[in-house]
Amino acid sequence: MLRRIGIVDQMVEANLGWVPYTQLANVTGRPAISLPLYRTPGGLPMGVQFVGRLRSEDLLLRLARQLELAAPWAQHLPPPAVAAAV
C-alpha cells in the first residue's frame, strides 16, 4: 500500500538523495569507512568510501591501516575556513 501511494519512494528520495552511498551503507547494515586519500590543490581532504561485506569491520580497519602507512594523513590539517577577525 505504501509503495502504491508513493510514500516509500518519497522517503527514499528525501533520505538518500543528498548522500546516497553513505546512507545506503547505514540502511543495509554494511560496515563502511571513509578515508582522506586525496587533497585538492587548495589543501582540502577528499575522502574515498569503502563498503565491506556484513561483519567485515576488521577488513576495513586493516585496509585503513595499510593505506595510512603507505600515505600518512593524520598530520595534515585542513586550511582555516575563515581568517581570524582582529
Protein backbone atom coordinates (compact mmCIF):
# COMPACT_ATOMS: atom_id res chain seq x y z
CA MET A 1 0.00 0.00 0.00
CA LEU A 2 2.76 2.48 0.95
CA ARG A 3 4.60 1.76 -2.30
CA ARG A 4 1.43 2.22 -4.33
CA ILE A 5 0.80 5.71 -2.97
CA GLY A 6 4.44 6.74 -3.35
CA ILE A 7 5.39 7.25 0.30
CA VAL A 8 8.29 4.78 0.11
CA ASP A 9 9.71 6.49 -2.97
CA GLN A 10 9.40 9.89 -1.29
CA MET A 11 11.15 8.63 1.84
CA VAL A 12 13.99 7.11 -0.15
CA GLU A 13 14.48 10.26 -2.20
CA ALA A 14 14.32 12.52 0.85
CA ASN A 15 16.80 10.43 2.84
CA LEU A 16 19.15 9.07 0.22
CA GLY A 17 19.02 11.84 -2.38
CA TRP A 18 21.67 14.01 -0.71
CA VAL A 19 24.29 11.39 0.09
CA PRO A 20 23.10 8.12 -1.40
CA TYR A 21 26.18 5.99 -0.84
CA THR A 22 26.88 6.92 2.78
CA GLN A 23 23.35 6.31 3.99
CA LEU A 24 22.90 3.23 1.83
CA ALA A 25 25.67 1.52 3.81
CA ASN A 26 23.94 2.54 7.05
CA VAL A 27 20.49 1.37 5.92
CA THR A 28 21.78 -2.03 4.79
CA GLY A 29 23.91 -2.52 7.90
CA ARG A 30 27.15 -2.89 5.96
CA PRO A 31 30.32 -1.54 7.52
CA ALA A 32 31.86 1.42 5.72
CA ILE A 33 34.81 3.71 6.18
CA SER A 34 35.77 6.99 4.54
CA LEU A 35 39.48 7.74 4.26
CA PRO A 36 41.08 11.07 3.25
CA LEU A 37 43.16 9.71 0.37
CA TYR A 38 43.47 12.85 -1.75
CA ARG A 39 43.97 16.56 -1.20
CA THR A 40 42.68 19.25 -3.52
CA PRO A 41 45.08 21.92 -4.80
CA GLY A 42 43.63 24.14 -2.04
CA GLY A 43 44.60 21.60 0.61
CA LEU A 44 41.14 20.23 1.39
CA PRO A 45 40.89 16.49 2.04
CA MET A 46 38.77 14.35 -0.25
CA GLY A 47 37.55 11.06 1.11
CA VAL A 48 37.10 7.72 -0.56
CA GLN A 49 34.45 5.46 0.90
CA PHE A 50 34.95 1.72 1.17
CA VAL A 51 31.97 -0.53 1.94
CA GLY A 52 32.53 -4.07 3.16
CA ARG A 53 30.57 -7.25 3.44
CA LEU A 54 28.47 -7.79 6.54
CA ARG A 55 30.68 -8.29 9.60
CA SER A 56 33.87 -7.22 7.76
CA GLU A 57 34.79 -4.32 10.03
CA ASP A 58 38.18 -5.91 10.68
CA LEU A 59 38.96 -5.96 6.96
CA LEU A 60 38.10 -2.26 6.60
CA LEU A 61 40.25 -1.35 9.60
CA ARG A 62 43.19 -3.36 8.22
CA LEU A 63 42.76 -1.59 4.87
CA ALA A 64 42.73 1.80 6.61
CA ARG A 65 45.92 0.93 8.49
CA GLN A 66 47.71 -0.17 5.31
CA LEU A 67 46.68 2.99 3.49
CA GLU A 68 47.70 5.18 6.43
CA LEU A 69 51.14 3.53 6.49
CA ALA A 70 51.53 3.98 2.73
CA ALA A 71 50.38 7.61 2.64
CA PRO A 72 50.04 9.14 6.13
CA TRP A 73 47.29 11.71 6.50
CA ALA A 74 46.98 12.24 10.27
CA GLN A 75 49.46 15.13 10.33
CA HIS A 76 47.54 17.11 7.70
CA LEU A 77 45.25 19.80 8.98
CA PRO A 78 42.69 21.45 6.71
CA PRO A 79 43.24 25.13 5.96
CA PRO A 80 41.29 27.56 8.17
CA ALA A 81 37.76 28.16 6.93
CA VAL A 82 37.98 31.92 7.51
CA ALA A 83 40.70 34.29 8.60
CA ALA A 84 40.57 35.23 12.26
CA ALA A 85 38.90 38.58 12.89
CA VAL A 86 41.04 41.20 14.59
